[in-house]
C-alpha atoms as a PDB file:
ATOM      1  CA  UNK A   1      -6.554  35.755  28.494  1.00  0.00           C
ATOM      2  CA  UNK A   2      -5.146  37.770  25.665  1.00  0.00           C
ATOM      3  CA  UNK A   3      -2.847  36.059  23.414  1.00  0.00           C
ATOM      4  CA  UNK A   4      -0.061  38.332  22.513  1.00  0.00           C
ATOM      5  CA  UNK A   5       2.699  37.818  20.147  1.00  0.00           C
ATOM      6  CA  UNK A   6       6.620  38.910  20.922  1.00  0.00           C
ATOM      7  CA  UNK A   7       6.547  41.811  18.262  1.00  0.00           C
ATOM      8  CA  UNK A   8       3.330  43.150  19.745  1.00  0.00           C
ATOM      9  CA  UNK A   9       3.674  46.693  21.818  1.00  0.00           C
ATOM     10  CA  UNK A  10       1.201  49.122  22.984  1.00  0.00           C
ATOM     11  CA  UNK A  11       2.271  52.779  22.913  1.00  0.00           C
ATOM     12  CA  UNK A  12       0.307  54.632  25.885  1.00  0.00           C
ATOM     13  CA  UNK A  13      -0.054  58.192  24.860  1.00  0.00           C
ATOM     14  CA  UNK A  14      -2.589  59.546  27.540  1.00  0.00           C
ATOM     15  CA  UNK A  15      -2.975  62.813  25.513  1.00  0.00           C
ATOM     16  CA  UNK A  16      -4.456  60.935  22.762  1.00  0.00           C
ATOM     17  CA  UNK A  17      -7.044  58.404  24.772  1.00  0.00           C
ATOM     18  CA  UNK A  18     -10.322  58.901  23.865  1.00  0.00           C
ATOM     19  CA  UNK A  19     -11.815  58.339  27.521  1.00  0.00           C
ATOM     20  CA  UNK A  20      -9.287  60.568  29.202  1.00  0.00           C
ATOM     21  CA  UNK A  21     -11.119  62.172  32.066  1.00  0.00           C
ATOM     22  CA  UNK A  22     -10.625  62.248  35.995  1.00  0.00           C
ATOM     23  CA  UNK A  23     -12.770  58.988  36.264  1.00  0.00           C
ATOM     24  CA  UNK A  24     -11.180  57.054  33.596  1.00  0.00           C
ATOM     25  CA  UNK A  25      -7.735  58.124  34.565  1.00  0.00           C
ATOM     26  CA  UNK A  26      -8.240  57.486  38.048  1.00  0.00           C
ATOM     27  CA  UNK A  27      -9.041  53.665  37.163  1.00  0.00           C
ATOM     28  CA  UNK A  28      -6.236  53.184  34.836  1.00  0.00           C
ATOM     29  CA  UNK A  29      -3.169  51.057  35.588  1.00  0.00           C
ATOM     30  CA  UNK A  30      -0.896  53.565  34.170  1.00  0.00           C
ATOM     31  CA  UNK A  31      -2.201  56.027  36.999  1.00  0.00           C
ATOM     32  CA  UNK A  32      -2.334  53.372  39.318  1.00  0.00           C
ATOM     33  CA  UNK A  33       1.314  52.268  38.674  1.00  0.00           C
ATOM     34  CA  UNK A  34       2.879  55.952  37.784  1.00  0.00           C
ATOM     35  CA  UNK A  35       0.772  58.111  40.094  1.00  0.00           C
ATOM     36  CA  UNK A  36      -0.188  60.378  37.072  1.00  0.00           C
ATOM     37  CA  UNK A  37      -0.619  60.078  33.290  1.00  0.00           C
ATOM     38  CA  UNK A  38       2.901  59.971  31.626  1.00  0.00           C
ATOM     39  CA  UNK A  39       3.709  61.737  28.474  1.00  0.00           C
ATOM     40  CA  UNK A  40       3.674  58.491  26.702  1.00  0.00           C
ATOM     41  CA  UNK A  41       5.194  54.768  27.510  1.00  0.00           C
ATOM     42  CA  UNK A  42       5.461  51.781  25.604  1.00  0.00           C
ATOM     43  CA  UNK A  43       4.286  48.528  27.057  1.00  0.00           C
ATOM     44  CA  UNK A  44       5.759  45.512  25.110  1.00  0.00           C
ATOM     45  CA  UNK A  45       4.089  41.896  24.996  1.00  0.00           C
ATOM     46  CA  UNK A  46       5.340  40.241  28.187  1.00  0.00           C
ATOM     47  CA  UNK A  47       4.585  43.325  30.369  1.00  0.00           C
ATOM     48  CA  UNK A  48       1.172  43.580  28.904  1.00  0.00           C
ATOM     49  CA  UNK A  49       0.428  40.409  29.511  1.00  0.00           C
ATOM     50  CA  UNK A  50       1.925  40.649  33.284  1.00  0.00           C
ATOM     51  CA  UNK A  51      -0.624  43.459  33.483  1.00  0.00           C
ATOM     52  CA  UNK A  52      -3.529  41.298  32.267  1.00  0.00           C
ATOM     53  CA  UNK A  53      -2.990  38.827  34.947  1.00  0.00           C
ATOM     54  CA  UNK A  54      -2.711  41.294  37.799  1.00  0.00           C
ATOM     55  CA  UNK A  55      -5.764  43.020  36.226  1.00  0.00           C
ATOM     56  CA  UNK A  56      -7.736  39.739  36.226  1.00  0.00           C
ATOM     57  CA  UNK A  57      -6.716  38.943  39.416  1.00  0.00           C
ATOM     58  CA  UNK A  58      -8.094  41.991  40.913  1.00  0.00           C
ATOM     59  CA  UNK A  59      -4.899  43.372  41.965  1.00  0.00           C
ATOM     60  CA  UNK A  60      -4.602  46.422  39.397  1.00  0.00           C
ATOM     61  CA  UNK A  61      -7.174  48.211  37.385  1.00  0.00           C
ATOM     62  CA  UNK A  62      -6.919  47.418  33.708  1.00  0.00           C
ATOM     63  CA  UNK A  63      -5.587  49.568  30.880  1.00  0.00           C
ATOM     64  CA  UNK A  64      -8.225  52.142  30.074  1.00  0.00           C
ATOM     65  CA  UNK A  65      -6.715  53.284  27.079  1.00  0.00           C
ATOM     66  CA  UNK A  66      -9.045  54.100  24.044  1.00  0.00           C
ATOM     67  CA  UNK A  67      -7.578  54.985  20.835  1.00  0.00           C
ATOM     68  CA  UNK A  68      -9.023  56.281  17.615  1.00  0.00           C
ATOM     69  CA  UNK A  69      -9.385  53.634  14.673  1.00  0.00           C
ATOM     70  CA  UNK A  70      -8.949  54.912  11.311  1.00  0.00           C
ATOM     71  CA  UNK A  71     -11.763  54.091   9.008  1.00  0.00           C
ATOM     72  CA  UNK A  72     -13.214  55.100   5.545  1.00  0.00           C
ATOM     73  CA  UNK A  73     -13.111  58.671   4.807  1.00  0.00           C
ATOM     74  CA  UNK A  74     -16.497  60.157   4.721  1.00  0.00           C
ATOM     75  CA  UNK A  75     -17.227  63.108   2.381  1.00  0.00           C
ATOM     76  CA  UNK A  76     -20.331  65.288   2.537  1.00  0.00           C
ATOM     77  CA  UNK A  77     -22.090  65.520  -0.702  1.00  0.00           C
END
């Protein structure tokens, strides 16, 4: 199970999710619980731990959020 720290939180911004599509959103806990992708929500560490337990037990789908990761700048030569 994912170990979280009390200060950890996840900001779910469905508009910036890299896998946003009918198939990914349809099998995401955010859509499962809220009915549709929201403008944005914040899930704290305790809530995320509870969602992980529900998902691992097969009661809800997992969070499908995929966000871009900042990396080194690449310049064309």
